[in-house]
Each structure stands twice: as structure tokens, then as C-alpha cells.
């Protein structure tokens, strides 16, 4: 009887041990699967962020690379279906204006044809202090007529937060400055006396 009791006790202990091992194995497998899932999700998120960053990189330019700025300007005009008179092969940057997160660029070719493009700092790089990281094109003029008639301004912003861009070339000698007046802002910019051009990037002072 004592032998049978001991055998019975050992059997129960053996069953308990097997049950414990089984529970631990199941828990370990579940924990391992959860870890694998977390690692897979982390890899997928990293890959998504990499692809998004690459998309921003390829759709923007370094404004210090003037050749890239000129090429991206022509590509933008063509994508928008805008007629161009400039020669893409000889197009180069003439003037650049920076202000806060914005950039305005005046370009010309060897034949003297001019165009203008307007840029904003890419949101991926917006927290960086240096504007010269990457910029994305917002708009532009595929052709600029000389003189007063070719002086044009746009408001890319809102009435509360205007973003003013003004461009023009070959202004007459008596042109010393030009003014822009909106509903709640006023802008005065001096004309370059040597080039007789007017190029200003946005954000006029508002009351």
C-alpha cells in the first residue's frame, strides 16, 4: 500500500511537471511569436519611413545645386503643360531670394529668355535650421516679359497669412522700388540697380 501511494504521488508529480513544461512551452512560443511580430512591424515601419523619405528626397532639390534647380524648374513646367521659350540645355540661375522656408529663383538661358520658379522647404527638413537642405517647387513663370508689363505678383498664401512672390526683369532706369498692397499687408522692395531686376521671395510684413 505504501509503495502504491508513493507510485501514485510520483505519477501526480510527473503529470504536474509535464503540465508545467507544456504551459511554459506554450507561453514561450507565444512570447516568441509576439517578439517576431513586433520585429516584423518595426521593420515594416522602418521601410515605410525609408520609402517616404526617399520620395521626399527625389521630389526635392538642394538649392545650392543650381543645375538641379534649373532642371527641376523645366520639368515642372513640362509636367504642368506650360509652354516654355527657354533653352533647357543652357538654362542657369541668375538670382535667388531666400526668406524663412521659401525661395524664389530667376533663371535665364544664353538667348536671354527668362523664367522664374518658387520653392518651399520640404516638410521633412523643416525642423532643420539650414534652409539649404531640400526644397520642393510650388509654382513659377515659364516666361517673363521685360519691363513693367512683365512685373507680376502672386499670393500663394491666405488673406490671414499672405505669401507674396513678385518677379520682373529689365525694368527701366527710373524704377527704384516696387510696392504691393493687399488687404492686410504692404510690401516695398528695392530694385537691383545693376541688373534692373526685381525678385523677392514671400512673406511681406503684416500689421
N, C-alpha and C. Protein backbone atom coordinates (compact mmCIF):
# COMPACT_ATOMS: atom_id res chain seq x y z
N UNK A 1 0.83 -1.20 0.00
CA UNK A 1 0.00 0.00 0.00
C UNK A 1 0.87 1.26 0.00
N UNK A 2 1.91 1.25 0.84
CA UNK A 2 2.81 2.41 0.86
C UNK A 2 3.50 2.59 -0.48
N UNK A 3 3.88 1.48 -1.08
CA UNK A 3 4.51 1.54 -2.40
C UNK A 3 3.56 2.09 -3.43
N UNK A 4 2.30 1.68 -3.36
CA UNK A 4 1.31 2.18 -4.30
C UNK A 4 1.04 3.65 -4.10
N UNK A 5 1.02 4.09 -2.84
CA UNK A 5 0.82 5.52 -2.57
C UNK A 5 1.97 6.35 -3.12
N UNK A 6 3.21 5.82 -2.90
CA UNK A 6 4.35 6.57 -3.42
C UNK A 6 4.33 6.64 -4.94
N UNK A 7 3.96 5.52 -5.57
CA UNK A 7 3.88 5.49 -7.02
C UNK A 7 2.82 6.46 -7.52
N UNK A 8 1.68 6.47 -6.81
CA UNK A 8 0.60 7.39 -7.17
C UNK A 8 1.05 8.85 -7.04
N UNK A 9 1.78 9.13 -5.96
CA UNK A 9 2.27 10.51 -5.75
C UNK A 9 3.26 10.91 -6.83
N UNK A 10 4.16 9.99 -7.18
CA UNK A 10 5.13 10.32 -8.23
C UNK A 10 4.44 10.53 -9.59
N UNK A 11 3.40 9.74 -9.82
CA UNK A 11 2.68 9.94 -11.08
C UNK A 11 2.07 11.33 -11.15
N UNK A 12 1.46 11.77 -10.02
CA UNK A 12 0.88 13.12 -9.99
C UNK A 12 1.95 14.19 -10.17
N UNK A 13 3.07 13.97 -9.51
CA UNK A 13 4.17 14.94 -9.66
C UNK A 13 4.68 14.98 -11.10
N UNK A 14 4.74 13.78 -11.70
CA UNK A 14 5.18 13.73 -13.10
C UNK A 14 4.19 14.45 -14.00
N UNK A 15 2.88 14.22 -13.78
CA UNK A 15 1.87 14.92 -14.58
C UNK A 15 1.93 16.43 -14.37
N UNK A 16 2.14 16.84 -13.13
CA UNK A 16 2.25 18.28 -12.86
C UNK A 16 3.48 18.88 -13.55
N UNK A 17 4.57 18.13 -13.51
CA UNK A 17 5.78 18.62 -14.17
C UNK A 17 5.57 18.74 -15.68
N UNK A 18 4.92 17.70 -16.26
CA UNK A 18 4.64 17.75 -17.69
C UNK A 18 3.72 18.90 -18.03
N UNK A 19 2.71 19.12 -17.17
CA UNK A 19 1.79 20.23 -17.42
C UNK A 19 2.53 21.57 -17.34
N UNK A 20 3.41 21.68 -16.35
CA UNK A 20 4.17 22.93 -16.21
C UNK A 20 5.06 23.16 -17.42
N UNK A 21 5.72 22.08 -17.86
CA UNK A 21 6.58 22.21 -19.05
C UNK A 21 5.76 22.60 -20.26
N UNK A 22 4.58 21.99 -20.38
CA UNK A 22 3.71 22.32 -21.53
C UNK A 22 3.29 23.78 -21.49
N UNK A 23 2.88 24.24 -20.29
CA UNK A 23 2.47 25.65 -20.14
C UNK A 23 3.62 26.57 -20.48
N UNK A 24 4.81 26.26 -19.98
CA UNK A 24 5.98 27.10 -20.27
C UNK A 24 6.30 27.09 -21.76
N UNK A 25 6.15 25.92 -22.39
CA UNK A 25 6.43 25.84 -23.82
C UNK A 25 5.45 26.69 -24.62
N UNK A 26 4.17 26.61 -24.25
CA UNK A 26 3.15 27.41 -24.94
C UNK A 26 3.40 28.89 -24.72
N UNK A 27 3.71 29.25 -23.46
CA UNK A 27 3.98 30.67 -23.17
C UNK A 27 5.21 31.16 -23.92
N UNK A 28 6.25 30.32 -23.96
CA UNK A 28 7.46 30.69 -24.68
C UNK A 28 7.21 30.86 -26.16
N UNK A 29 6.39 29.95 -26.73
CA UNK A 29 6.07 30.05 -28.15
C UNK A 29 5.27 31.32 -28.44
N UNK A 30 4.32 31.61 -27.51
CA UNK A 30 3.53 32.84 -27.70
C UNK A 30 4.39 34.08 -27.60
N UNK A 31 5.30 34.10 -26.61
CA UNK A 31 6.19 35.24 -26.45
C UNK A 31 7.11 35.38 -27.66
N UNK A 32 7.58 34.24 -28.17
CA UNK A 32 8.45 34.28 -29.35
C UNK A 32 7.70 34.80 -30.56
N UNK A 33 6.45 34.36 -30.73
CA UNK A 33 5.64 34.85 -31.86
C UNK A 33 5.37 36.34 -31.73
N UNK A 34 5.10 36.79 -30.49
CA UNK A 34 4.86 38.21 -30.28
C UNK A 34 6.11 39.03 -30.58
N UNK A 35 7.28 38.51 -30.19
CA UNK A 35 8.53 39.20 -30.48
C UNK A 35 8.80 39.27 -31.98
N UNK A 36 8.52 38.13 -32.66
CA UNK A 36 8.69 38.11 -34.12
C UNK A 36 7.75 39.12 -34.78
N UNK A 37 6.51 39.22 -34.28
CA UNK A 37 5.54 40.16 -34.82
C UNK A 37 6.00 41.60 -34.62
N UNK A 38 6.51 41.88 -33.41
CA UNK A 38 7.00 43.24 -33.13
C UNK A 38 8.18 43.59 -34.02
N UNK A 39 9.08 42.65 -34.20
CA UNK A 39 10.24 42.89 -35.05
C UNK A 39 9.81 43.11 -36.50
N UNK A 40 8.83 42.32 -36.98
CA UNK A 40 8.33 42.49 -38.34
C UNK A 40 7.67 43.86 -38.50
N UNK A 41 6.85 44.26 -37.53
CA UNK A 41 6.20 45.56 -37.60
C UNK A 41 7.23 46.69 -37.57
N UNK A 42 8.28 46.52 -36.76
CA UNK A 42 9.33 47.54 -36.70
C UNK A 42 10.05 47.64 -38.04
N UNK A 43 10.32 46.51 -38.68
CA UNK A 43 10.97 46.53 -39.99
C UNK A 43 10.08 47.17 -41.04
N UNK A 44 8.79 46.83 -41.02
CA UNK A 44 7.85 47.42 -41.97
C UNK A 44 7.74 48.92 -41.80
N UNK A 45 7.71 49.38 -40.54
CA UNK A 45 7.63 50.82 -40.27
C UNK A 45 8.90 51.52 -40.74
N UNK A 46 10.05 50.90 -40.48
CA UNK A 46 11.32 51.49 -40.92
C UNK A 46 11.38 51.56 -42.44
N UNK A 47 10.89 50.53 -43.12
CA UNK A 47 10.89 50.53 -44.58
C UNK A 47 9.93 51.58 -45.13
N UNK A 48 8.76 51.73 -44.48
CA UNK A 48 7.83 52.76 -44.91
C UNK A 48 8.42 54.15 -44.74
N UNK A 49 9.07 54.39 -43.60
CA UNK A 49 9.71 55.68 -43.38
C UNK A 49 10.83 55.91 -44.38
N UNK A 50 11.58 54.86 -44.70
CA UNK A 50 12.66 55.00 -45.68
C UNK A 50 12.10 55.37 -47.05
N UNK A 51 11.01 54.70 -47.46
CA UNK A 51 10.40 54.99 -48.75
C UNK A 51 9.84 56.41 -48.80
N UNK A 52 9.19 56.84 -47.70
CA UNK A 52 8.65 58.19 -47.66
C UNK A 52 9.78 59.22 -47.71
N UNK A 53 10.85 58.96 -46.99
CA UNK A 53 11.98 59.88 -47.01
C UNK A 53 12.61 59.94 -48.39
N UNK A 54 12.71 58.79 -49.05
CA UNK A 54 13.26 58.75 -50.40
C UNK A 54 12.36 59.49 -51.38
N UNK A 55 11.03 59.35 -51.20
CA UNK A 55 10.10 60.07 -52.07
C UNK A 55 10.27 61.58 -51.91
N UNK A 56 10.43 62.04 -50.67
CA UNK A 56 10.65 63.47 -50.45
C UNK A 56 11.99 63.90 -51.04
N UNK A 57 13.00 63.06 -50.91
CA UNK A 57 14.32 63.41 -51.42
C UNK A 57 14.32 63.54 -52.93
N UNK A 58 13.68 62.57 -53.61
CA UNK A 58 13.70 62.58 -55.07
C UNK A 58 12.80 63.66 -55.66
N UNK A 59 11.82 64.15 -54.89
CA UNK A 59 10.93 65.20 -55.39
C UNK A 59 11.38 66.59 -54.95
N UNK A 60 12.57 66.70 -54.40
CA UNK A 60 13.10 67.99 -53.96
C UNK A 60 14.53 68.14 -54.45
N UNK A 61 15.07 69.34 -54.28
CA UNK A 61 16.45 69.60 -54.72
C UNK A 61 17.20 70.36 -53.63
N UNK A 62 18.50 70.26 -53.71
CA UNK A 62 19.36 71.10 -52.88
C UNK A 62 19.51 72.44 -53.61
N UNK A 63 19.05 73.54 -53.02
CA UNK A 63 19.07 74.81 -53.75
C UNK A 63 20.47 75.31 -54.08
N UNK A 64 21.49 74.75 -53.45
CA UNK A 64 22.86 75.14 -53.79
C UNK A 64 23.32 74.47 -55.08
N UNK A 65 22.61 73.42 -55.50
CA UNK A 65 22.94 72.76 -56.77
C UNK A 65 22.14 73.43 -57.87
N UNK A 66 22.71 74.46 -58.48
CA UNK A 66 21.97 75.28 -59.44
C UNK A 66 21.54 74.48 -60.67
N UNK A 67 22.34 73.51 -61.07
CA UNK A 67 21.95 72.69 -62.21
C UNK A 67 20.69 71.89 -61.92
N UNK A 68 20.57 71.37 -60.70
CA UNK A 68 19.37 70.62 -60.31
C UNK A 68 18.16 71.54 -60.24
N UNK A 69 18.37 72.78 -59.76
CA UNK A 69 17.27 73.75 -59.68
C UNK A 69 16.74 74.06 -61.09
N UNK A 70 17.65 74.29 -62.03
CA UNK A 70 17.23 74.59 -63.41
C UNK A 70 16.51 73.41 -64.03
N UNK A 71 17.02 72.21 -63.85
CA UNK A 71 16.39 71.02 -64.43
C UNK A 71 15.01 70.79 -63.82
N UNK A 72 14.90 70.92 -62.50
CA UNK A 72 13.61 70.72 -61.84
C UNK A 72 12.60 71.77 -62.27
N UNK A 73 13.05 72.99 -62.53
CA UNK A 73 12.15 74.05 -62.99
C UNK A 73 11.55 73.71 -64.35
N UNK A 74 12.39 73.29 -65.28
CA UNK A 74 11.91 72.91 -66.61
C UNK A 74 10.97 71.70 -66.52
N UNK A 75 11.33 70.72 -65.70
CA UNK A 75 10.48 69.54 -65.55
C UNK A 75 9.11 69.92 -65.00
N UNK A 76 9.09 70.86 -64.06
CA UNK A 76 7.81 71.30 -63.51
C UNK A 76 6.94 71.96 -64.58
N UNK A 77 7.53 72.84 -65.37
CA UNK A 77 6.76 73.50 -66.44
C UNK A 77 6.19 72.47 -67.41
N UNK A 78 6.99 71.48 -67.77
CA UNK A 78 6.52 70.46 -68.71
C UNK A 78 5.42 69.61 -68.09
N UNK A 79 5.56 69.24 -66.82
CA UNK A 79 4.53 68.44 -66.16
C UNK A 79 3.21 69.20 -66.06
N UNK A 80 3.30 70.54 -65.91
CA UNK A 80 2.10 71.36 -65.80
C UNK A 80 1.52 71.74 -67.16
N UNK A 81 2.18 71.33 -68.24
CA UNK A 81 1.71 71.66 -69.57
C UNK A 81 1.94 73.12 -69.94
N UNK A 82 2.90 73.77 -69.32
CA UNK A 82 3.18 75.18 -69.59
C UNK A 82 4.15 75.30 -70.77
N UNK A 83 3.88 76.23 -71.66
CA UNK A 83 4.76 76.46 -72.79
C UNK A 83 6.02 77.18 -72.33
N UNK A 84 7.16 76.73 -72.82
CA UNK A 84 8.43 77.35 -72.43
C UNK A 84 9.14 77.86 -73.67
N UNK A 85 9.86 78.98 -73.47
CA UNK A 85 10.69 79.53 -74.53
C UNK A 85 12.17 79.42 -74.20
N UNK A 86 12.46 79.08 -72.95
CA UNK A 86 13.85 78.97 -72.54
C UNK A 86 14.45 77.69 -73.12
N UNK A 87 15.77 77.73 -73.28
CA UNK A 87 16.50 76.57 -73.75
C UNK A 87 16.95 75.76 -72.53
N UNK A 88 16.39 74.57 -72.31
CA UNK A 88 16.74 73.81 -71.11
C UNK A 88 18.23 73.50 -71.00
N UNK A 89 18.90 73.36 -72.14
CA UNK A 89 20.31 72.98 -72.11
C UNK A 89 21.22 74.10 -71.61
N UNK A 90 20.79 75.35 -71.81
CA UNK A 90 21.63 76.47 -71.38
C UNK A 90 21.01 77.26 -70.23
N UNK A 91 19.94 76.75 -69.65
CA UNK A 91 19.27 77.46 -68.57
C UNK A 91 20.13 77.44 -67.31
N UNK A 92 20.26 78.59 -66.67
CA UNK A 92 21.06 78.67 -65.45
C UNK A 92 20.43 79.69 -64.50
N UNK A 93 20.80 79.63 -63.24
CA UNK A 93 20.26 80.50 -62.20
C UNK A 93 20.92 81.87 -62.29
N UNK A 94 20.08 82.92 -62.31
CA UNK A 94 20.57 84.29 -62.32
C UNK A 94 20.56 84.92 -60.93
N UNK A 95 19.41 84.78 -60.25
CA UNK A 95 19.26 85.35 -58.91
C UNK A 95 18.46 84.40 -58.03
N UNK A 96 18.72 84.47 -56.75
CA UNK A 96 17.98 83.66 -55.79
C UNK A 96 17.65 84.51 -54.59
N UNK A 97 16.42 84.39 -54.10
CA UNK A 97 15.98 85.12 -52.90
C UNK A 97 15.45 84.12 -51.89
N UNK A 98 15.93 84.23 -50.66
CA UNK A 98 15.50 83.34 -49.57
C UNK A 98 14.78 84.15 -48.51
N UNK A 99 13.75 83.55 -47.94
CA UNK A 99 13.08 84.15 -46.79
C UNK A 99 12.33 83.05 -46.05
N UNK A 100 12.74 82.83 -44.79
CA UNK A 100 12.13 81.79 -43.96
C UNK A 100 12.19 80.45 -44.69
N UNK A 101 11.05 79.81 -44.92
CA UNK A 101 11.04 78.49 -45.55
C UNK A 101 10.87 78.57 -47.06
N UNK A 102 11.04 79.74 -47.66
CA UNK A 102 10.72 79.90 -49.07
C UNK A 102 11.92 80.38 -49.86
N UNK A 103 11.88 80.11 -51.17
CA UNK A 103 12.94 80.50 -52.08
C UNK A 103 12.32 80.86 -53.42
N UNK A 104 12.78 81.96 -54.01
CA UNK A 104 12.38 82.37 -55.36
C UNK A 104 13.63 82.43 -56.22
N UNK A 105 13.54 81.92 -57.45
CA UNK A 105 14.71 81.81 -58.32
C UNK A 105 14.40 82.39 -59.69
N UNK A 106 15.27 83.25 -60.16
CA UNK A 106 15.19 83.80 -61.52
C UNK A 106 16.23 83.08 -62.36
N UNK A 107 15.81 82.54 -63.52
CA UNK A 107 16.69 81.79 -64.41
C UNK A 107 16.67 82.38 -65.80
N UNK A 108 17.73 82.16 -66.55
CA UNK A 108 17.78 82.62 -67.95
C UNK A 108 18.66 81.67 -68.75
N UNK A 109 18.48 81.71 -70.08
CA UNK A 109 19.33 80.90 -70.96
C UNK A 109 20.28 81.81 -71.73
N UNK A 110 21.06 81.23 -72.62
CA UNK A 110 22.05 82.01 -73.38
C UNK A 110 21.39 83.00 -74.32
N UNK A 111 20.16 82.71 -74.74
CA UNK A 111 19.46 83.62 -75.66
C UNK A 111 18.78 84.77 -74.93
N UNK A 112 18.82 84.79 -73.60
CA UNK A 112 18.23 85.88 -72.84
C UNK A 112 16.80 85.65 -72.40
N UNK A 113 16.23 84.49 -72.74
CA UNK A 113 14.88 84.17 -72.26
C UNK A 113 14.95 83.86 -70.76
N UNK A 114 13.89 84.27 -70.05
CA UNK A 114 13.91 84.14 -68.60
C UNK A 114 12.67 83.39 -68.11
N UNK A 115 12.82 82.78 -66.96
CA UNK A 115 11.71 82.15 -66.27
C UNK A 115 11.96 82.25 -64.77
N UNK A 116 10.98 81.88 -63.99
CA UNK A 116 11.08 82.02 -62.53
C UNK A 116 10.40 80.84 -61.87
N UNK A 117 10.99 80.36 -60.79
CA UNK A 117 10.37 79.27 -60.03
C UNK A 117 10.34 79.63 -58.55
N UNK A 118 9.32 79.10 -57.86
CA UNK A 118 9.08 79.41 -56.46
C UNK A 118 9.09 78.11 -55.66
N UNK A 119 9.81 78.10 -54.53
CA UNK A 119 10.08 76.87 -53.80
C UNK A 119 9.75 77.02 -52.32
N UNK A 120 9.50 75.88 -51.68
CA UNK A 120 9.30 75.85 -50.24
C UNK A 120 10.14 74.73 -49.65
N UNK A 121 10.66 74.97 -48.47
CA UNK A 121 11.47 73.96 -47.82
C UNK A 121 10.65 72.70 -47.58
N UNK A 122 11.20 71.54 -47.92
CA UNK A 122 10.49 70.29 -47.74
C UNK A 122 10.17 70.06 -46.27
N UNK A 123 8.95 69.58 -46.00
CA UNK A 123 8.49 69.41 -44.62
C UNK A 123 9.36 68.45 -43.83
N UNK A 124 10.00 67.50 -44.50
CA UNK A 124 10.87 66.56 -43.80
C UNK A 124 12.06 67.30 -43.19
N UNK A 125 12.48 68.38 -43.85
CA UNK A 125 13.66 69.12 -43.39
C UNK A 125 13.29 70.43 -42.71
N UNK A 126 12.00 70.65 -42.46
CA UNK A 126 11.55 71.94 -41.96
C UNK A 126 12.08 72.24 -40.56
N UNK A 127 12.30 71.23 -39.75
CA UNK A 127 12.79 71.45 -38.39
C UNK A 127 14.28 71.76 -38.35
N UNK A 128 14.95 71.60 -39.47
CA UNK A 128 16.38 71.90 -39.51
C UNK A 128 16.58 73.40 -39.64
N UNK A 129 17.68 73.89 -39.09
CA UNK A 129 17.93 75.33 -39.09
C UNK A 129 18.36 75.82 -40.47
N UNK A 130 19.03 74.98 -41.24
CA UNK A 130 19.57 75.41 -42.53
C UNK A 130 18.53 75.21 -43.62
N UNK A 131 18.16 76.29 -44.29
CA UNK A 131 17.18 76.19 -45.37
C UNK A 131 17.74 75.38 -46.53
N UNK A 132 19.06 75.36 -46.67
CA UNK A 132 19.68 74.80 -47.86
C UNK A 132 19.75 73.28 -47.83
N UNK A 133 18.80 72.62 -47.24
CA UNK A 133 18.79 71.16 -47.27
C UNK A 133 18.07 70.67 -48.51
N UNK A 134 16.74 70.71 -48.52
CA UNK A 134 15.98 70.31 -49.69
C UNK A 134 14.77 71.22 -49.82
N UNK A 135 14.45 71.59 -51.05
CA UNK A 135 13.27 72.42 -51.32
C UNK A 135 12.45 71.77 -52.42
N UNK A 136 11.12 71.99 -52.34
CA UNK A 136 10.21 71.46 -53.34
C UNK A 136 9.55 72.62 -54.08
N UNK A 137 9.39 72.46 -55.39
CA UNK A 137 8.85 73.54 -56.20
C UNK A 137 7.34 73.66 -55.99
N UNK A 138 6.87 74.91 -55.88
CA UNK A 138 5.45 75.19 -55.70
C UNK A 138 4.80 75.78 -56.94
N UNK A 139 5.57 76.50 -57.72
CA UNK A 139 5.00 77.16 -58.88
C UNK A 139 6.07 77.94 -59.61
N UNK A 140 5.65 78.74 -60.58
CA UNK A 140 6.61 79.53 -61.32
C UNK A 140 6.02 80.15 -62.57
N UNK A 141 6.87 80.86 -63.28
CA UNK A 141 6.50 81.50 -64.55
C UNK A 141 7.43 80.96 -65.63
N UNK A 142 6.85 80.40 -66.66
CA UNK A 142 7.68 79.83 -67.72
C UNK A 142 8.21 80.89 -68.67
N UNK A 143 7.71 82.12 -68.53
CA UNK A 143 8.16 83.20 -69.42
C UNK A 143 7.96 84.53 -68.70
N UNK A 144 8.96 85.41 -68.79
CA UNK A 144 8.87 86.74 -68.17
C UNK A 144 9.16 87.79 -69.23
N UNK A 145 8.19 88.63 -69.51
CA UNK A 145 8.38 89.72 -70.46
C UNK A 145 9.16 90.85 -69.79
N UNK A 146 10.04 91.52 -70.49
CA UNK A 146 10.80 92.61 -69.89
C UNK A 146 9.93 93.84 -69.65
N UNK A 147 10.35 94.66 -68.70
CA UNK A 147 9.67 95.92 -68.42
C UNK A 147 8.57 95.79 -67.40
N UNK A 148 7.84 96.91 -67.23
CA UNK A 148 6.77 96.97 -66.24
C UNK A 148 5.69 95.93 -66.49
N UNK A 149 5.39 95.69 -67.76
CA UNK A 149 4.30 94.77 -68.08
C UNK A 149 4.61 93.35 -67.64
N UNK A 150 5.87 93.03 -67.50
CA UNK A 150 6.24 91.69 -67.09
C UNK A 150 6.36 91.51 -65.58
N UNK A 151 6.13 92.62 -64.83
CA UNK A 151 6.23 92.55 -63.37
C UNK A 151 4.92 91.98 -62.82
N UNK A 152 5.00 90.82 -62.21
CA UNK A 152 3.81 90.11 -61.76
C UNK A 152 4.01 89.67 -60.32
N UNK A 153 2.92 89.71 -59.55
CA UNK A 153 2.99 89.20 -58.19
C UNK A 153 1.88 88.18 -57.96
N UNK A 154 2.14 87.24 -57.04
CA UNK A 154 1.16 86.23 -56.64
C UNK A 154 1.06 86.20 -55.13
N UNK A 155 -0.07 85.74 -54.67
CA UNK A 155 -0.23 85.45 -53.25
C UNK A 155 -0.51 83.95 -53.13
N UNK A 156 0.49 83.22 -52.68
CA UNK A 156 0.35 81.78 -52.53
C UNK A 156 -0.28 81.40 -51.20
N UNK A 157 -0.46 82.37 -50.32
CA UNK A 157 -0.99 82.06 -49.00
C UNK A 157 -2.46 82.39 -48.89
N UNK A 158 -2.84 82.81 -47.71
CA UNK A 158 -4.23 83.19 -47.43
C UNK A 158 -4.28 84.66 -47.06
N UNK A 159 -5.48 85.18 -46.89
CA UNK A 159 -5.63 86.57 -46.50
C UNK A 159 -5.01 86.82 -45.14
N UNK A 160 -5.11 85.83 -44.24
CA UNK A 160 -4.54 85.98 -42.91
C UNK A 160 -3.03 85.81 -42.92
N UNK A 161 -2.52 84.94 -43.77
CA UNK A 161 -1.09 84.67 -43.85
C UNK A 161 -0.65 84.73 -45.32
N UNK A 162 -0.49 85.92 -45.87
CA UNK A 162 -0.12 86.04 -47.28
C UNK A 162 1.32 85.62 -47.53
N UNK A 163 1.55 84.98 -48.65
CA UNK A 163 2.88 84.60 -49.10
C UNK A 163 3.06 85.22 -50.48
N UNK A 164 3.74 86.33 -50.54
CA UNK A 164 3.82 87.15 -51.74
C UNK A 164 5.09 86.83 -52.53
N UNK A 165 4.93 86.64 -53.83
CA UNK A 165 6.07 86.46 -54.72
C UNK A 165 5.93 87.46 -55.87
N UNK A 166 6.98 88.23 -56.10
CA UNK A 166 6.98 89.23 -57.17
C UNK A 166 8.22 88.99 -58.03
N UNK A 167 8.06 89.03 -59.35
CA UNK A 167 9.21 88.85 -60.23
C UNK A 167 9.06 89.73 -61.46
N UNK A 168 10.20 90.21 -61.96
CA UNK A 168 10.23 91.02 -63.16
C UNK A 168 11.68 91.24 -63.59
N UNK A 169 11.89 91.61 -64.85
CA UNK A 169 13.24 91.82 -65.38
C UNK A 169 13.25 93.03 -66.31
N UNK A 170 14.46 93.55 -66.52
CA UNK A 170 14.69 94.67 -67.43
C UNK A 170 13.75 95.83 -67.14
N UNK A 171 13.71 96.24 -65.88
CA UNK A 171 12.90 97.39 -65.51
C UNK A 171 13.62 98.67 -65.92
N UNK A 172 12.88 99.75 -66.19
CA UNK A 172 13.51 101.00 -66.64
C UNK A 172 14.36 101.63 -65.55
N UNK A 173 15.21 102.54 -65.94
CA UNK A 173 16.15 103.17 -65.02
C UNK A 173 15.44 103.92 -63.89
N UNK A 174 14.27 104.45 -64.16
CA UNK A 174 13.58 105.22 -63.12
C UNK A 174 12.90 104.33 -62.08
N UNK A 175 12.97 103.03 -62.27
CA UNK A 175 12.35 102.11 -61.30
C UNK A 175 13.33 101.88 -60.15
N UNK A 176 13.01 102.44 -58.99
CA UNK A 176 13.85 102.27 -57.81
C UNK A 176 13.27 101.25 -56.84
N UNK A 177 11.98 101.15 -56.82
CA UNK A 177 11.36 100.15 -55.95
C UNK A 177 9.96 99.85 -56.49
N UNK A 178 9.40 98.76 -56.03
CA UNK A 178 8.02 98.45 -56.36
C UNK A 178 7.28 98.14 -55.07
N UNK A 179 5.97 98.31 -55.12
CA UNK A 179 5.16 98.13 -53.92
C UNK A 179 4.04 97.13 -54.21
N UNK A 180 3.65 96.44 -53.16
CA UNK A 180 2.49 95.57 -53.23
C UNK A 180 1.62 95.84 -52.03
N UNK A 181 0.34 96.05 -52.25
CA UNK A 181 -0.58 96.30 -51.16
C UNK A 181 -1.75 95.34 -51.22
N UNK A 182 -1.94 94.59 -50.15
CA UNK A 182 -3.06 93.67 -50.06
C UNK A 182 -4.04 94.14 -49.00
N UNK A 183 -4.96 93.27 -48.63
CA UNK A 183 -5.97 93.63 -47.64
C UNK A 183 -5.37 93.88 -46.27
N UNK A 184 -4.36 93.12 -45.93
CA UNK A 184 -3.78 93.30 -44.61
C UNK A 184 -2.26 93.22 -44.62
N UNK A 185 -1.64 93.58 -45.74
CA UNK A 185 -0.18 93.61 -45.76
C UNK A 185 0.29 94.62 -46.81
N UNK A 186 1.53 95.05 -46.63
CA UNK A 186 2.12 96.00 -47.56
C UNK A 186 3.59 95.64 -47.74
N UNK A 187 4.07 95.63 -48.98
CA UNK A 187 5.44 95.21 -49.28
C UNK A 187 6.10 96.25 -50.19
N UNK A 188 7.32 96.65 -49.82
CA UNK A 188 8.12 97.50 -50.69
C UNK A 188 9.49 96.84 -50.85
N UNK A 189 9.91 96.64 -52.09
CA UNK A 189 11.19 96.01 -52.38
C UNK A 189 11.96 96.87 -53.36
N UNK A 190 13.25 97.05 -53.06
CA UNK A 190 14.11 97.86 -53.92
C UNK A 190 14.56 97.07 -55.13
N UNK A 191 14.72 97.77 -56.25
CA UNK A 191 15.15 97.16 -57.49
C UNK A 191 16.68 97.14 -57.53
N UNK A 192 17.24 96.03 -58.00
CA UNK A 192 18.69 95.92 -58.13
C UNK A 192 19.17 96.93 -59.17
N UNK A 193 19.99 97.93 -58.79
CA UNK A 193 20.39 98.98 -59.73
C UNK A 193 21.30 98.48 -60.85
N UNK A 194 22.00 97.36 -60.62
CA UNK A 194 22.91 96.85 -61.64
C UNK A 194 22.18 95.98 -62.66
N UNK A 195 21.36 95.08 -62.19
CA UNK A 195 20.66 94.17 -63.09
C UNK A 195 19.32 94.71 -63.53
N UNK A 196 18.81 95.70 -62.80
CA UNK A 196 17.47 96.22 -63.07
C UNK A 196 16.45 95.09 -63.08
N UNK A 197 16.52 94.28 -62.05
CA UNK A 197 15.58 93.19 -61.90
C UNK A 197 14.88 93.31 -60.56
N UNK A 198 13.75 92.69 -60.45
CA UNK A 198 13.02 92.64 -59.19
C UNK A 198 12.67 91.18 -58.91
N UNK A 199 13.21 90.68 -57.83
CA UNK A 199 12.92 89.30 -57.45
C UNK A 199 12.84 89.26 -55.93
N UNK A 200 11.69 88.91 -55.44
CA UNK A 200 11.55 88.81 -53.97
C UNK A 200 10.80 87.54 -53.64
N UNK A 201 11.26 86.89 -52.61
CA UNK A 201 10.51 85.75 -52.10
C UNK A 201 9.49 86.26 -51.10
N UNK A 202 8.61 85.38 -50.59
CA UNK A 202 7.36 85.82 -49.98
C UNK A 202 7.47 86.33 -48.55
N UNK A 203 6.31 86.38 -47.94
CA UNK A 203 6.10 86.82 -46.55
C UNK A 203 6.36 88.32 -46.41
N UNK A 204 5.40 89.10 -46.80
CA UNK A 204 5.53 90.54 -46.60
C UNK A 204 5.14 90.86 -45.17
N UNK A 205 5.67 91.97 -44.62
CA UNK A 205 5.32 92.33 -43.23
C UNK A 205 3.85 92.70 -43.13
N UNK A 206 3.17 92.12 -42.17
CA UNK A 206 1.74 92.38 -42.00
C UNK A 206 1.50 93.03 -40.64
N UNK A 207 0.49 93.90 -40.52
CA UNK A 207 0.23 94.56 -39.24
C UNK A 207 -0.30 93.58 -38.22
